[in-house]
N, C-alpha and C. Protein backbone atom coordinates (compact mmCIF):
# COMPACT_ATOMS: atom_id res chain seq x y z
N UNK A 1 42.69 -58.66 133.65
CA UNK A 1 43.24 -57.86 132.53
C UNK A 1 42.54 -58.77 131.21
N UNK A 2 42.53 -57.96 130.45
CA UNK A 2 41.83 -58.08 129.11
C UNK A 2 43.09 -58.70 128.09
N UNK A 3 42.67 -59.52 127.33
CA UNK A 3 43.58 -60.04 126.51
C UNK A 3 44.04 -58.89 125.34
N UNK A 4 45.12 -59.12 124.77
CA UNK A 4 45.70 -58.01 123.80
C UNK A 4 44.76 -58.43 122.61
N UNK A 5 44.28 -57.40 121.99
CA UNK A 5 43.38 -57.36 120.94
C UNK A 5 44.46 -56.77 119.66
N UNK A 6 43.97 -57.52 118.57
CA UNK A 6 44.42 -56.99 117.18
C UNK A 6 43.53 -55.89 116.32
N UNK A 7 43.68 -54.47 116.45
CA UNK A 7 43.03 -53.78 115.77
C UNK A 7 43.13 -54.01 114.24
N UNK A 8 42.21 -54.12 113.41
CA UNK A 8 42.34 -54.28 111.98
C UNK A 8 41.97 -53.06 111.20
N UNK A 9 42.54 -52.08 111.59
CA UNK A 9 41.88 -50.86 111.18
C UNK A 9 43.30 -49.89 111.58
N UNK A 10 43.14 -48.87 110.47
CA UNK A 10 44.25 -47.98 110.64
C UNK A 10 43.80 -46.51 110.90
N UNK A 11 42.32 -46.37 111.39
CA UNK A 11 41.79 -45.33 111.69
C UNK A 11 42.42 -44.52 113.09
N UNK A 12 42.57 -43.63 112.92
CA UNK A 12 43.19 -42.89 114.23
C UNK A 12 42.07 -42.79 115.40
N UNK A 13 40.75 -42.29 114.48
CA UNK A 13 39.59 -42.40 115.77
C UNK A 13 39.48 -43.83 116.65
N UNK A 14 39.52 -44.76 115.79
CA UNK A 14 39.28 -46.27 116.34
C UNK A 14 40.56 -46.57 117.27
N UNK A 15 41.64 -46.09 117.02
CA UNK A 15 42.72 -46.35 117.85
C UNK A 15 42.68 -45.39 119.29
N UNK A 16 42.22 -44.27 119.11
CA UNK A 16 42.06 -43.39 120.31
C UNK A 16 41.00 -43.63 121.04
N UNK A 17 39.80 -44.17 120.54
CA UNK A 17 38.86 -44.83 121.39
C UNK A 17 39.16 -46.05 122.18
N UNK A 18 40.04 -46.83 121.34
CA UNK A 18 40.58 -48.11 122.29
C UNK A 18 41.18 -47.71 123.41
N UNK A 19 42.20 -46.73 123.24
CA UNK A 19 42.88 -46.19 124.16
C UNK A 19 42.20 -45.61 125.31
N UNK A 20 41.37 -44.38 125.03
CA UNK A 20 40.43 -44.30 125.87
C UNK A 20 39.71 -45.47 126.87
N UNK A 21 39.42 -46.43 126.31
CA UNK A 21 38.73 -47.38 126.95
C UNK A 21 39.77 -48.36 127.57
N UNK A 22 40.96 -48.12 127.54
CA UNK A 22 42.17 -48.95 128.17
C UNK A 22 42.12 -50.15 127.54
N UNK A 23 41.88 -50.44 126.33
CA UNK A 23 41.59 -51.89 125.90
C UNK A 23 43.30 -52.36 125.18
N UNK A 24 44.05 -53.16 125.69
CA UNK A 24 45.23 -53.33 125.16
C UNK A 24 45.18 -54.02 123.50
N UNK A 25 46.06 -53.03 122.79
CA UNK A 25 45.85 -53.53 121.52
C UNK A 25 46.89 -53.36 120.55
N UNK A 26 47.15 -53.94 119.43
CA UNK A 26 48.24 -53.71 118.49
C UNK A 26 47.35 -53.58 117.12
N UNK A 27 48.05 -52.99 116.14
CA UNK A 27 47.32 -52.63 114.69
C UNK A 27 47.75 -53.39 114.10
N UNK A 28 47.15 -54.22 112.97
CA UNK A 28 47.62 -54.74 111.96
C UNK A 28 46.46 -54.50 110.67
N UNK A 29 46.76 -54.03 109.59
CA UNK A 29 46.36 -53.86 108.63
C UNK A 29 46.59 -54.65 107.00
N UNK A 30 45.40 -54.89 106.37
CA UNK A 30 46.15 -55.23 105.00
C UNK A 30 44.69 -54.75 104.14
N UNK A 31 45.20 -54.03 102.95
CA UNK A 31 44.03 -53.56 102.16
C UNK A 31 43.16 -54.69 101.66
N UNK A 32 41.76 -54.23 101.67
CA UNK A 32 40.84 -55.04 101.31
C UNK A 32 39.88 -54.26 100.52
N UNK A 33 39.16 -54.99 99.69
CA UNK A 33 38.42 -54.11 98.78
C UNK A 33 37.04 -53.81 99.44
N UNK A 34 36.53 -52.55 99.86
CA UNK A 34 35.30 -52.43 100.61
C UNK A 34 34.15 -52.64 99.43
N UNK A 35 33.91 -53.67 98.99
CA UNK A 35 32.89 -54.08 97.96
C UNK A 35 31.67 -55.12 98.90
N UNK A 36 30.70 -54.95 98.32
CA UNK A 36 29.63 -55.89 99.15
C UNK A 36 28.52 -56.23 97.90
N UNK A 37 27.93 -57.34 98.25
CA UNK A 37 26.64 -57.57 97.34
C UNK A 37 25.63 -56.58 97.54
N UNK A 38 25.06 -56.55 96.22
CA UNK A 38 24.00 -55.39 96.26
C UNK A 38 22.65 -55.73 96.91
N UNK A 39 22.46 -56.58 97.18
CA UNK A 39 21.18 -56.80 98.01
C UNK A 39 21.41 -57.00 99.28
N UNK A 40 22.25 -56.65 99.85
CA UNK A 40 22.54 -56.81 101.40
C UNK A 40 21.66 -55.37 102.19
N UNK A 41 21.21 -55.53 103.28
CA UNK A 41 20.54 -54.90 104.13
C UNK A 41 21.66 -53.74 104.52
N UNK A 42 21.30 -52.41 104.50
CA UNK A 42 22.27 -51.27 105.00
C UNK A 42 23.00 -51.77 106.10
N UNK A 43 22.26 -52.21 107.12
CA UNK A 43 22.82 -52.73 108.56
C UNK A 43 23.82 -53.58 108.39
N UNK A 44 23.94 -54.52 107.33
CA UNK A 44 24.82 -55.50 107.19
C UNK A 44 25.90 -55.10 106.45
N UNK A 45 25.90 -54.08 105.61
CA UNK A 45 26.87 -53.61 104.60
C UNK A 45 28.20 -53.27 105.15
N UNK A 46 28.03 -52.81 106.33
CA UNK A 46 29.48 -52.53 107.12
C UNK A 46 29.89 -53.72 107.87
N UNK A 47 29.17 -54.54 108.37
CA UNK A 47 29.60 -55.76 108.92
C UNK A 47 30.26 -56.78 108.10
N UNK A 48 29.63 -57.00 106.47
CA UNK A 48 30.09 -57.57 105.59
C UNK A 48 31.78 -57.17 105.28
N UNK A 49 32.12 -55.57 105.20
CA UNK A 49 33.49 -55.07 105.01
C UNK A 49 34.24 -55.36 105.96
N UNK A 50 33.66 -55.31 107.47
CA UNK A 50 34.49 -55.78 108.91
C UNK A 50 34.73 -57.06 108.56
N UNK A 51 33.95 -57.79 108.34
CA UNK A 51 34.35 -59.38 108.29
C UNK A 51 35.58 -59.69 107.46
N UNK A 52 35.43 -59.07 106.21
CA UNK A 52 36.69 -59.34 105.36
C UNK A 52 37.92 -58.82 105.85
N UNK A 53 37.83 -57.69 106.46
CA UNK A 53 39.12 -57.03 107.37
C UNK A 53 39.49 -57.82 108.20
N UNK A 54 38.81 -58.62 109.01
CA UNK A 54 39.40 -59.42 110.07
C UNK A 54 39.73 -60.63 109.68
N UNK A 55 39.05 -61.22 108.49
CA UNK A 55 39.30 -62.44 108.00
C UNK A 55 40.79 -62.47 107.12
N UNK A 56 41.39 -61.49 106.49
CA UNK A 56 42.39 -61.15 106.06
C UNK A 56 43.51 -61.40 106.95
N UNK A 57 43.39 -60.29 108.24
CA UNK A 57 44.27 -60.58 109.23
C UNK A 57 44.16 -61.89 110.05
N UNK A 58 43.32 -62.57 110.16
CA UNK A 58 43.42 -63.85 110.88
C UNK A 58 43.99 -64.84 110.02
N UNK A 59 44.01 -64.70 108.61
CA UNK A 59 44.51 -65.59 107.92
C UNK A 59 46.15 -65.51 108.17
N UNK A 60 46.74 -64.41 108.32
CA UNK A 60 48.17 -63.96 108.35
C UNK A 60 48.67 -64.71 109.85
N UNK A 61 47.74 -64.76 110.55
CA UNK A 61 48.15 -65.15 112.12
C UNK A 61 49.03 -66.45 112.14
N UNK A 62 49.96 -66.67 113.08
CA UNK A 62 50.57 -67.70 113.17
C UNK A 62 49.88 -68.51 114.47
N UNK A 63 49.12 -67.62 115.58
CA UNK A 63 48.20 -68.36 116.66
C UNK A 63 46.73 -67.63 116.38
N UNK A 64 46.06 -68.24 117.32
CA UNK A 64 44.69 -67.69 117.40
C UNK A 64 44.89 -66.65 118.51
N UNK A 65 44.29 -65.41 117.82
CA UNK A 65 44.13 -64.12 118.45
C UNK A 65 43.07 -63.41 118.27
N UNK A 66 42.57 -62.48 119.16
CA UNK A 66 41.39 -61.86 119.07
C UNK A 66 41.52 -60.56 118.28
N UNK A 67 40.60 -60.76 117.21
CA UNK A 67 40.71 -59.64 115.92
C UNK A 67 39.60 -59.05 116.12
N UNK A 68 39.46 -57.80 115.96
CA UNK A 68 38.71 -56.70 116.05
C UNK A 68 38.69 -56.00 114.71
N UNK A 69 37.84 -55.71 113.99
CA UNK A 69 37.58 -55.00 112.89
C UNK A 69 36.09 -54.17 112.63
N UNK A 70 36.33 -52.91 112.17
CA UNK A 70 34.88 -52.26 111.92
C UNK A 70 35.29 -51.38 110.54
N UNK A 71 33.81 -51.27 110.42
CA UNK A 71 33.71 -50.57 109.10
C UNK A 71 32.39 -49.18 109.53
N UNK A 72 32.52 -47.97 109.05
CA UNK A 72 31.58 -47.18 109.40
C UNK A 72 31.07 -46.76 107.89
N UNK A 73 29.60 -46.51 107.38
CA UNK A 73 28.87 -45.92 106.40
C UNK A 73 27.98 -44.91 106.90
N UNK A 74 27.56 -43.66 106.07
CA UNK A 74 26.84 -43.06 106.10
C UNK A 74 25.55 -43.03 105.21
N UNK A 75 24.04 -43.24 105.55
CA UNK A 75 23.33 -43.37 104.82
C UNK A 75 22.30 -42.13 104.86
N UNK A 76 22.01 -41.45 103.47
CA UNK A 76 21.15 -40.60 103.55
C UNK A 76 20.17 -40.90 102.59
N UNK A 77 18.67 -40.85 102.85
CA UNK A 77 17.84 -41.35 101.92
C UNK A 77 17.71 -42.45 101.38
N UNK A 78 18.35 -43.61 101.88
CA UNK A 78 18.64 -44.95 101.73
C UNK A 78 19.53 -45.13 101.03
N UNK A 79 20.81 -44.23 100.39
CA UNK A 79 21.88 -44.31 99.62
C UNK A 79 23.31 -44.08 100.69
N UNK A 80 24.05 -45.19 100.24
CA UNK A 80 25.27 -44.99 101.04
C UNK A 80 26.29 -43.72 100.54
N UNK A 81 26.50 -43.06 101.14
CA UNK A 81 27.52 -42.02 101.01
C UNK A 81 29.08 -42.42 101.47
N UNK A 82 29.89 -42.68 100.49
CA UNK A 82 31.13 -42.73 100.93
C UNK A 82 32.06 -41.78 101.24
N UNK A 83 33.65 -42.25 101.38
CA UNK A 83 34.25 -40.98 101.71
C UNK A 83 34.57 -40.19 100.24
N UNK A 84 34.62 -39.17 100.24
CA UNK A 84 34.92 -37.98 99.19
C UNK A 84 35.89 -38.32 98.47
N UNK A 85 35.94 -37.97 97.05
CA UNK A 85 37.21 -38.33 95.93
C UNK A 85 37.78 -37.17 96.19
N UNK A 86 37.29 -35.95 96.42
CA UNK A 86 38.06 -34.67 96.06
C UNK A 86 37.25 -33.69 96.82
N UNK A 87 37.96 -32.30 96.75
CA UNK A 87 37.42 -31.01 97.38
C UNK A 87 35.67 -31.14 96.79
N UNK A 88 35.53 -31.08 95.39
CA UNK A 88 34.27 -30.91 94.91
C UNK A 88 33.32 -31.71 95.56
N UNK A 89 33.44 -33.16 95.46
CA UNK A 89 32.70 -34.16 96.16
C UNK A 89 32.31 -34.09 97.64
N UNK A 90 33.39 -33.65 98.54
CA UNK A 90 33.30 -33.34 99.96
C UNK A 90 32.22 -32.36 100.12
N UNK A 91 32.42 -31.13 99.41
CA UNK A 91 31.51 -29.90 99.35
C UNK A 91 30.18 -30.47 99.09
N UNK A 92 29.92 -31.36 97.93
CA UNK A 92 28.47 -31.87 97.49
C UNK A 92 27.99 -32.62 98.36
N UNK A 93 28.86 -33.33 99.41
CA UNK A 93 28.41 -34.58 100.13
C UNK A 93 27.75 -33.91 101.47
N UNK A 94 28.60 -32.61 102.09
CA UNK A 94 28.18 -31.87 103.14
C UNK A 94 26.98 -30.80 102.63
N UNK A 95 26.85 -30.53 101.61
CA UNK A 95 25.79 -29.86 100.83
C UNK A 95 24.56 -30.63 101.02
N UNK A 96 24.49 -32.05 100.80
CA UNK A 96 23.55 -32.95 100.86
C UNK A 96 23.05 -33.19 102.18
N UNK A 97 24.05 -33.00 103.00
CA UNK A 97 23.58 -33.48 104.70
C UNK A 97 23.03 -32.26 105.27
N UNK A 98 23.37 -30.77 104.65
CA UNK A 98 22.99 -29.86 105.26
C UNK A 98 21.54 -29.87 105.65
N UNK A 99 20.94 -29.61 107.00
CA UNK A 99 19.73 -29.42 107.15
C UNK A 99 18.85 -30.74 107.20
N UNK A 100 19.70 -31.89 106.92
CA UNK A 100 18.94 -33.28 106.99
C UNK A 100 19.35 -34.30 108.05
N UNK A 101 18.84 -35.20 108.26
CA UNK A 101 19.12 -36.23 109.30
C UNK A 101 19.50 -37.58 108.54
N UNK A 102 20.51 -38.03 108.84
CA UNK A 102 21.15 -39.19 108.06
C UNK A 102 21.38 -40.26 109.10
N UNK A 103 22.08 -41.30 108.80
CA UNK A 103 22.42 -42.55 109.94
C UNK A 103 23.92 -42.53 109.55
N UNK A 104 24.38 -43.04 110.71
CA UNK A 104 25.72 -43.40 110.91
C UNK A 104 25.55 -44.88 111.26
N UNK A 105 26.12 -45.94 110.48
CA UNK A 105 26.18 -47.17 110.71
C UNK A 105 27.62 -48.08 110.87
N UNK A 106 27.68 -48.20 111.88
CA UNK A 106 29.50 -48.86 112.03
C UNK A 106 28.93 -50.40 112.42
N UNK A 107 29.69 -51.31 111.57
CA UNK A 107 29.53 -52.41 111.60
C UNK A 107 30.85 -53.24 112.48
N UNK A 108 30.75 -53.91 113.50
CA UNK A 108 32.02 -54.51 114.12
C UNK A 108 32.04 -56.08 114.06
N UNK A 109 33.27 -56.47 113.82
CA UNK A 109 33.13 -58.13 113.82
C UNK A 109 34.37 -58.24 114.79
N UNK A 110 34.31 -59.26 115.81
CA UNK A 110 34.94 -59.66 116.51
C UNK A 110 35.31 -60.98 116.61
N UNK A 111 36.53 -61.56 116.10
CA UNK A 111 36.99 -63.07 115.97
C UNK A 111 38.39 -63.60 116.88
N UNK A 112 37.90 -65.02 116.73
CA UNK A 112 39.01 -65.73 117.32
C UNK A 112 38.88 -67.12 117.18
N UNK A 113 39.63 -67.66 116.21
CA UNK A 113 39.67 -68.81 115.51
C UNK A 113 37.82 -68.87 114.73
N UNK A 114 37.59 -69.99 115.11
CA UNK A 114 36.09 -70.14 114.22
C UNK A 114 35.24 -69.53 115.16
N UNK A 115 35.29 -68.75 116.07
CA UNK A 115 34.51 -67.95 117.21
C UNK A 115 34.37 -66.51 116.56
N UNK A 116 33.00 -66.08 116.10
CA UNK A 116 32.66 -64.51 116.04
C UNK A 116 31.67 -64.17 116.42
N UNK A 117 31.74 -62.99 116.90
CA UNK A 117 30.61 -62.12 117.38
C UNK A 117 30.71 -60.77 116.27
N UNK A 118 29.64 -60.35 115.78
CA UNK A 118 29.15 -59.37 114.89
C UNK A 118 28.08 -58.55 115.48
N UNK A 119 27.94 -57.34 115.04
CA UNK A 119 26.87 -56.34 115.31
C UNK A 119 27.11 -55.08 114.44
N UNK A 120 25.78 -54.56 114.42
CA UNK A 120 26.01 -53.13 113.85
C UNK A 120 25.34 -52.05 114.74
N UNK A 121 25.60 -50.83 115.06
CA UNK A 121 25.25 -49.88 115.75
C UNK A 121 24.63 -48.85 114.82
N UNK A 122 23.83 -48.16 114.96
CA UNK A 122 23.16 -47.20 114.17
C UNK A 122 22.71 -45.51 115.21
N UNK A 123 23.47 -44.77 114.54
CA UNK A 123 23.16 -43.60 115.35
C UNK A 123 22.62 -42.17 114.08
N UNK A 124 21.42 -41.62 114.62
CA UNK A 124 20.88 -40.72 113.41
C UNK A 124 21.41 -39.37 113.94
N UNK A 125 22.08 -38.54 112.75
CA UNK A 125 22.43 -37.43 112.90
C UNK A 125 21.76 -36.26 112.47
N UNK A 126 21.34 -34.94 113.08
CA UNK A 126 20.60 -34.23 112.34
C UNK A 126 21.79 -33.00 112.19
N UNK A 127 21.96 -32.38 110.71
CA UNK A 127 22.84 -31.41 110.76
C UNK A 127 21.80 -30.07 110.79
N UNK A 128 22.32 -28.87 111.25
CA UNK A 128 21.52 -27.60 111.02
C UNK A 128 21.96 -27.41 109.52
N UNK A 129 20.77 -26.35 109.04
CA UNK A 129 21.32 -26.02 107.52
C UNK A 129 22.87 -25.26 107.76
N UNK A 130 23.41 -25.65 106.80
CA UNK A 130 24.74 -24.95 106.78
C UNK A 130 25.08 -24.35 105.55
N UNK A 131 25.71 -23.19 105.78
CA UNK A 131 26.01 -22.18 104.44
C UNK A 131 27.06 -22.92 103.53
N UNK A 132 27.23 -22.54 102.39
CA UNK A 132 28.31 -22.79 101.69
C UNK A 132 29.59 -22.51 102.10
N UNK A 133 29.62 -21.21 102.71
CA UNK A 133 30.82 -20.89 103.57
C UNK A 133 31.33 -21.45 104.78
N UNK A 134 30.15 -22.04 105.36
CA UNK A 134 30.61 -22.98 106.45
C UNK A 134 31.42 -24.34 105.95
N UNK A 135 30.47 -24.57 104.95
CA UNK A 135 30.91 -25.90 104.19
C UNK A 135 32.36 -26.06 103.72
N UNK A 136 32.70 -25.07 102.75
CA UNK A 136 33.89 -24.73 102.28
C UNK A 136 35.29 -24.28 103.17
N UNK A 137 34.71 -23.72 104.65
CA UNK A 137 35.91 -23.41 105.52
C UNK A 137 36.02 -24.73 106.01
N UNK A 138 35.27 -25.64 106.55
CA UNK A 138 35.53 -27.01 106.71
C UNK A 138 36.24 -27.77 106.20
N UNK A 139 36.04 -27.94 104.61
CA UNK A 139 36.84 -28.93 103.70
C UNK A 139 38.10 -28.57 103.54
N UNK A 140 38.01 -26.95 103.68
CA UNK A 140 39.55 -26.49 103.46
C UNK A 140 40.53 -26.56 104.26
N UNK A 141 39.95 -26.58 105.78
CA UNK A 141 40.66 -26.42 107.03
C UNK A 141 40.84 -27.91 107.52
N UNK A 142 40.05 -28.73 107.19
CA UNK A 142 39.97 -30.29 107.89
C UNK A 142 40.26 -31.20 106.78
N UNK A 143 40.07 -31.12 105.55
CA UNK A 143 40.06 -32.01 104.80
C UNK A 143 39.94 -33.65 104.96
N UNK A 144 38.52 -33.40 104.96
CA UNK A 144 37.86 -34.63 105.50
C UNK A 144 37.87 -35.90 104.55
N UNK A 145 38.55 -36.06 103.82
CA UNK A 145 38.52 -36.90 102.56
C UNK A 145 38.82 -38.27 102.55
N UNK A 146 39.35 -38.58 104.41
CA UNK A 146 39.20 -40.18 104.57
C UNK A 146 38.23 -40.64 105.37
N UNK A 147 36.86 -39.60 105.60
CA UNK A 147 36.09 -39.82 106.43
C UNK A 147 34.42 -40.05 105.40
N UNK A 148 33.86 -41.33 105.74
CA UNK A 148 32.57 -41.66 105.37
C UNK A 148 31.69 -40.40 105.77
N UNK A 149 31.16 -39.89 104.56
CA UNK A 149 30.09 -38.48 105.06
C UNK A 149 30.94 -37.31 104.80
N UNK A 150 31.95 -37.52 104.58
CA UNK A 150 33.19 -36.28 104.40
C UNK A 150 32.98 -35.14 105.78
N UNK A 151 32.82 -35.71 106.91
CA UNK A 151 33.08 -35.08 108.24
C UNK A 151 33.43 -35.99 109.37
N UNK A 152 33.86 -35.56 110.38
CA UNK A 152 34.27 -36.16 111.73
C UNK A 152 33.49 -35.19 112.84
N UNK A 153 32.86 -35.83 113.60
CA UNK A 153 31.78 -35.34 114.57
C UNK A 153 32.55 -34.55 115.58
N UNK A 154 33.81 -35.28 115.83
CA UNK A 154 34.46 -34.32 116.92
C UNK A 154 35.57 -33.29 116.32
N UNK A 155 35.29 -32.66 115.17
CA UNK A 155 36.02 -31.59 114.68
C UNK A 155 35.10 -30.56 114.35
N UNK A 156 35.39 -29.36 113.91
CA UNK A 156 34.76 -28.17 113.83
C UNK A 156 33.12 -27.97 113.51
N UNK A 157 33.23 -28.89 112.33
CA UNK A 157 31.70 -28.95 111.80
C UNK A 157 30.68 -29.59 112.66
N UNK A 158 31.07 -30.72 113.59
CA UNK A 158 30.27 -31.13 114.61
C UNK A 158 29.93 -30.24 115.78
N UNK A 159 31.14 -29.61 116.00
CA UNK A 159 30.62 -28.33 117.19
C UNK A 159 29.56 -27.60 116.56
N UNK A 160 29.70 -27.05 115.19
CA UNK A 160 28.99 -26.09 115.25
C UNK A 160 27.78 -26.37 114.06
N UNK A 161 27.87 -27.51 113.62
CA UNK A 161 26.92 -27.73 112.55
C UNK A 161 25.87 -28.86 113.00
N UNK A 162 25.93 -29.90 114.25
CA UNK A 162 25.21 -30.97 114.34
C UNK A 162 24.24 -30.43 115.29
N UNK A 163 22.90 -30.49 114.71
CA UNK A 163 21.68 -30.17 115.67
C UNK A 163 21.57 -31.13 116.77
N UNK A 164 21.52 -32.37 116.34
CA UNK A 164 21.32 -33.50 117.34
C UNK A 164 21.87 -34.78 117.14
N UNK A 165 21.70 -35.77 117.91
CA UNK A 165 22.39 -36.82 117.58
C UNK A 165 21.31 -37.97 118.49
N UNK A 166 21.01 -39.30 117.96
CA UNK A 166 20.25 -40.27 118.52
C UNK A 166 21.08 -41.40 118.52
N UNK A 167 21.62 -41.95 119.79
CA UNK A 167 22.21 -43.12 119.62
C UNK A 167 23.60 -42.61 120.15
N UNK A 168 24.83 -43.38 119.82
CA UNK A 168 26.13 -43.65 120.31
C UNK A 168 26.81 -42.56 119.53
N UNK A 169 27.20 -41.55 120.42
CA UNK A 169 28.23 -40.56 119.80
C UNK A 169 29.09 -41.22 119.36
N UNK A 170 30.22 -42.07 119.93
CA UNK A 170 31.22 -42.69 119.68
C UNK A 170 30.98 -43.58 118.16
N UNK A 171 30.23 -44.00 118.13
CA UNK A 171 29.74 -44.65 116.75
C UNK A 171 30.09 -43.69 115.66
N UNK A 172 29.76 -42.51 116.05
CA UNK A 172 29.76 -41.32 114.86
C UNK A 172 31.42 -41.22 114.59
N UNK A 173 32.15 -41.65 115.54
CA UNK A 173 33.48 -41.26 115.30
C UNK A 173 34.08 -42.75 114.82
N UNK A 174 33.35 -43.66 114.51
CA UNK A 174 33.82 -44.69 114.06
C UNK A 174 33.84 -46.26 114.69
N UNK A 175 33.43 -45.99 115.98
CA UNK A 175 33.47 -47.45 117.13
C UNK A 175 32.73 -47.34 118.30
N UNK A 176 31.37 -48.13 118.01
CA UNK A 176 30.57 -47.97 119.44
C UNK A 176 31.45 -48.62 120.25
N UNK A 177 32.35 -47.65 121.11
CA UNK A 177 33.31 -48.51 122.10
C UNK A 177 32.88 -49.26 123.28
N UNK A 178 31.49 -48.48 123.95
CA UNK A 178 30.84 -49.65 125.03
C UNK A 178 30.41 -50.53 124.60
N UNK A 179 29.90 -50.54 123.66
CA UNK A 179 29.13 -51.96 123.14
C UNK A 179 30.24 -53.04 122.78
N UNK A 180 31.51 -52.51 122.41
CA UNK A 180 32.76 -53.49 121.85
C UNK A 180 33.25 -54.01 123.34
N UNK A 181 33.21 -52.90 124.53
CA UNK A 181 33.87 -53.43 125.98
C UNK A 181 32.87 -54.70 126.29
N UNK A 182 31.44 -54.00 126.30
CA UNK A 182 30.51 -54.87 126.72
C UNK A 182 30.38 -56.29 126.28
N UNK A 183 30.81 -56.58 124.77
CA UNK A 183 31.14 -57.72 124.06
C UNK A 183 32.50 -58.53 124.27
N UNK A 184 33.54 -57.91 124.49
CA UNK A 184 34.54 -58.60 125.02
C UNK A 184 34.38 -58.94 126.56
N UNK A 185 33.58 -58.37 127.09
CA UNK A 185 33.75 -58.87 128.37
C UNK A 185 32.53 -60.13 128.95
N UNK A 186 31.83 -60.07 128.06
CA UNK A 186 30.57 -60.95 128.18
C UNK A 186 30.42 -62.17 127.24
N UNK A 187 31.33 -62.24 125.86
CA UNK A 187 31.43 -63.29 125.13
C UNK A 187 32.75 -64.39 125.38
N UNK A 188 32.71 -65.28 125.31
CA UNK A 188 33.77 -66.44 125.52
C UNK A 188 34.26 -66.24 124.03
N UNK A 189 35.81 -65.96 124.00
CA UNK A 189 36.46 -66.14 122.97
C UNK A 189 37.48 -66.89 123.12
């Protein structure tokens, strides 16, 4: 039986993926700044942010517990695309992704006491060209304001708008869950 972990995320998608993998967990979150040094390599950015999420939770624990934190970024043309500020921003982001290939990078940090294991997983996603009508329909019906890149692959836009992906589908949802399971099973914490 796997040790019950603490998920340092309020993402409903990460929660769902851990449930599907039948990993016992509880959720603890604390607000952290999602800032990072400007000279970090792109694949290091979500690890840096996830490390901070794990650290603040670990500091509050009275005992050594296994803490899992993750952060996901979307990268188009070497630029990080965050969560949209509003409807107009979401439409602009999806218009930029339309017909293009971008990267979804999730950084994962697993900590217990002084031990840490971290990695990033990269998935390439190519969108079909999207019409403004499709984009506004998605934004107005699904309100993707809490999602990096202004979309969720498991929603309507992913079903009709994605041409192909190279890499882990679940990474695009927010957690490369099979790699997390492998790490939990093979690392000594």
